Amino acid sequence: MPNWIAALILAVASLALAGPSQAQATDQGDQGTELAFMPRTLDVTLLNEGGKYVAIDLKHIPQGGVCRMDQDATIARMGPGTSPGTTRVRYVAPQVSPGGCPFLTAFDLSDADYATARAKFVQMKEEATKKVEQLKKDLGDKWDEITGKKS
């Protein structure tokens, strides 16, 4: 299974656990949580009150500490950032490699980087949707059998 499909499934599952209470309204009106993929690897400043514990590294990163967000990591928009031209986001996938940010790390990302990240996510989502629709078409009635739907 390609990594981006696994990341998408993991992100959706993480958001279901994190709940919609994590999202904050924006000036444009909140339509729910938006997912995106980190556009590039960046060192980010952790904004979580009290910091976060990194289980894989067995260490604590204090609020204001720095951690690494890897390219293509799944993030969710939380609202406007602290400074103008930034968006507050949260890392919504568990950390699986040493040296990175812990699960649910909150940090600010430039609006330009967030726009790039969101566009990448939307493009991959559209590609995945097209593939599923093609599978439905190719399988016909077998699709309902495979997915457990009864006619």
Protein backbone atom coordinates (compact mmCIF):
# COMPACT_ATOMS: atom_id res chain seq x y z
CA MET A 1 0.00 0.00 0.00
CA PRO A 2 1.53 3.37 -0.91
CA ASN A 3 2.66 5.46 2.07
CA TRP A 4 0.25 8.31 1.31
CA ILE A 5 -2.77 6.00 1.49
CA ALA A 6 -1.60 4.69 4.85
CA ALA A 7 -1.00 8.27 6.02
CA LEU A 8 -4.49 9.31 4.88
CA ILE A 9 -6.14 6.40 6.71
CA LEU A 10 -4.06 7.07 9.82
CA ALA A 11 -4.88 10.78 9.74
CA VAL A 12 -8.62 10.18 9.46
CA ALA A 13 -8.49 7.69 12.33
CA SER A 14 -6.45 10.14 14.42
CA LEU A 15 -8.95 12.92 13.83
CA ALA A 16 -11.81 10.68 14.87
CA LEU A 17 -10.02 10.12 18.18
CA ALA A 18 -8.92 13.74 18.59
CA GLY A 19 -12.47 14.98 18.03
CA PRO A 20 -13.81 18.14 16.50
CA SER A 21 -13.27 20.04 19.75
CA GLN A 22 -9.62 20.40 18.69
CA ALA A 23 -10.58 22.66 15.78
CA GLN A 24 -11.00 26.40 16.22
CA ALA A 25 -13.14 28.71 14.09
CA THR A 26 -11.41 31.06 11.67
CA ASP A 27 -12.43 34.43 10.29
CA GLN A 28 -13.63 32.66 7.14
CA GLY A 29 -16.00 30.41 9.06
CA ASP A 30 -15.03 26.95 10.18
CA GLN A 31 -16.11 24.09 7.94
CA GLY A 32 -14.52 21.44 10.16
CA THR A 33 -10.96 20.23 10.35
CA GLU A 34 -8.83 20.45 7.20
CA LEU A 35 -6.07 17.94 6.62
CA ALA A 36 -2.83 18.63 4.78
CA PHE A 37 0.63 17.13 4.22
CA MET A 38 3.79 18.95 5.36
CA PRO A 39 5.24 20.53 2.22
CA ARG A 40 8.88 19.99 3.32
CA THR A 41 10.90 18.94 6.36
CA LEU A 42 11.03 21.79 8.90
CA ASP A 43 12.16 22.42 12.45
CA VAL A 44 9.10 23.83 14.24
CA THR A 45 8.49 25.43 17.63
CA LEU A 46 6.22 23.33 19.85
CA LEU A 47 3.33 25.48 21.16
CA ASN A 48 1.56 22.92 23.38
CA GLU A 49 1.12 24.19 26.94
CA GLY A 50 3.40 22.19 29.21
CA GLY A 51 5.22 20.67 26.24
CA LYS A 52 4.88 17.12 24.93
CA TYR A 53 6.50 13.77 25.72
CA VAL A 54 8.11 11.92 22.79
CA ALA A 55 7.55 8.23 23.46
CA ILE A 56 9.91 6.94 20.74
CA ASP A 57 12.80 9.09 22.02
CA LEU A 58 11.84 8.83 25.72
CA LYS A 59 12.23 12.57 26.21
CA HIS A 60 10.16 15.66 26.95
CA ILE A 61 10.06 18.68 24.63
CA PRO A 62 9.06 21.82 26.56
CA GLN A 63 6.68 24.46 25.23
CA GLY A 64 8.82 26.66 22.98
CA GLY A 65 11.19 23.76 22.26
CA VAL A 66 12.05 22.72 18.72
CA CYS A 67 11.28 19.44 16.98
CA ARG A 68 11.43 18.17 13.39
CA MET A 69 8.36 17.78 11.19
CA ASP A 70 9.11 15.51 8.24
CA GLN A 71 7.92 16.17 4.71
CA ASP A 72 4.50 14.60 4.01
CA ALA A 73 3.61 14.30 7.71
CA THR A 74 -0.16 14.64 8.18
CA ILE A 75 -1.28 17.90 9.78
CA ALA A 76 -4.65 19.49 10.56
CA ARG A 77 -5.52 23.20 10.45
CA MET A 78 -6.51 24.54 13.85
CA GLY A 79 -7.01 28.22 13.02
CA PRO A 80 -5.00 31.40 12.63
CA GLY A 81 -1.43 31.46 13.91
CA THR A 82 0.05 33.73 16.56
CA SER A 83 1.66 36.07 14.02
CA PRO A 84 0.09 37.55 10.90
CA GLY A 85 0.65 35.36 7.85
CA THR A 86 0.68 32.10 9.82
CA THR A 87 -1.73 29.23 10.35
CA ARG A 88 -1.91 27.14 13.54
CA VAL A 89 -1.69 23.42 12.71
CA ARG A 90 -1.45 20.19 14.68
CA TYR A 91 0.49 17.03 13.83
CA VAL A 92 -2.14 14.27 13.63
CA ALA A 93 -0.11 11.10 13.18
CA PRO A 94 2.00 9.16 15.66
CA GLN A 95 5.77 9.63 15.50
CA VAL A 96 7.50 6.52 14.17
CA SER A 97 11.06 7.76 13.68
CA PRO A 98 13.46 9.24 16.23
CA GLY A 99 14.07 12.97 16.37
CA GLY A 100 10.65 14.13 15.22
CA CYS A 101 7.70 15.89 16.78
CA PRO A 102 5.30 13.99 19.04
CA PHE A 103 1.64 13.20 18.28
CA LEU A 104 -0.69 16.25 18.41
CA THR A 105 2.16 18.79 18.41
CA ALA A 106 0.75 22.28 17.77
CA PHE A 107 2.84 24.76 15.79
CA ASP A 108 2.50 27.70 13.40
CA LEU A 109 3.16 27.30 9.68
CA SER A 110 3.39 30.13 7.18
CA ASP A 111 0.20 30.66 5.18
CA ALA A 112 2.13 29.95 1.95
CA ASP A 113 3.46 26.63 3.30
CA TYR A 114 -0.01 25.69 4.56
CA ALA A 115 -1.58 26.49 1.17
CA THR A 116 1.01 24.24 -0.52
CA ALA A 117 0.40 21.49 2.08
CA ARG A 118 -3.38 21.66 1.66
CA ALA A 119 -3.18 21.64 -2.15
CA LYS A 120 -1.04 18.50 -2.02
CA PHE A 121 -3.55 16.78 0.27
CA VAL A 122 -6.53 17.76 -1.91
CA GLN A 123 -4.75 16.52 -5.04
CA MET A 124 -3.98 13.14 -3.45
CA LYS A 125 -7.53 12.86 -2.11
CA GLU A 126 -8.94 13.49 -5.61
CA GLU A 127 -6.59 10.88 -7.10
CA ALA A 128 -7.65 8.34 -4.45
CA THR A 129 -11.35 9.10 -5.07
CA LYS A 130 -10.90 8.57 -8.82
CA LYS A 131 -9.18 5.24 -8.18
CA VAL A 132 -11.99 4.08 -5.89
CA GLU A 133 -14.64 5.14 -8.42
CA GLN A 134 -12.78 3.25 -11.15
CA LEU A 135 -12.64 0.17 -8.90
CA LYS A 136 -16.39 0.43 -8.28
CA LYS A 137 -16.98 0.65 -12.01
CA ASP A 138 -14.63 -2.25 -12.80
CA LEU A 139 -16.08 -4.50 -10.10
CA GLY A 140 -19.75 -3.67 -10.63
CA ASP A 141 -21.91 -5.86 -8.35
CA LYS A 142 -18.79 -7.41 -6.80
CA TRP A 143 -18.11 -4.03 -5.16
CA ASP A 144 -21.17 -4.43 -2.93
CA GLU A 145 -20.08 -7.95 -1.97
CA ILE A 146 -16.56 -6.78 -1.13
CA THR A 147 -17.73 -3.79 0.93
CA GLY A 148 -20.48 -5.76 2.66
CA LYS A 149 -23.40 -3.81 1.20
CA LYS A 150 -26.52 -5.80 0.43
CA SER A 151 -28.72 -4.93 -2.52
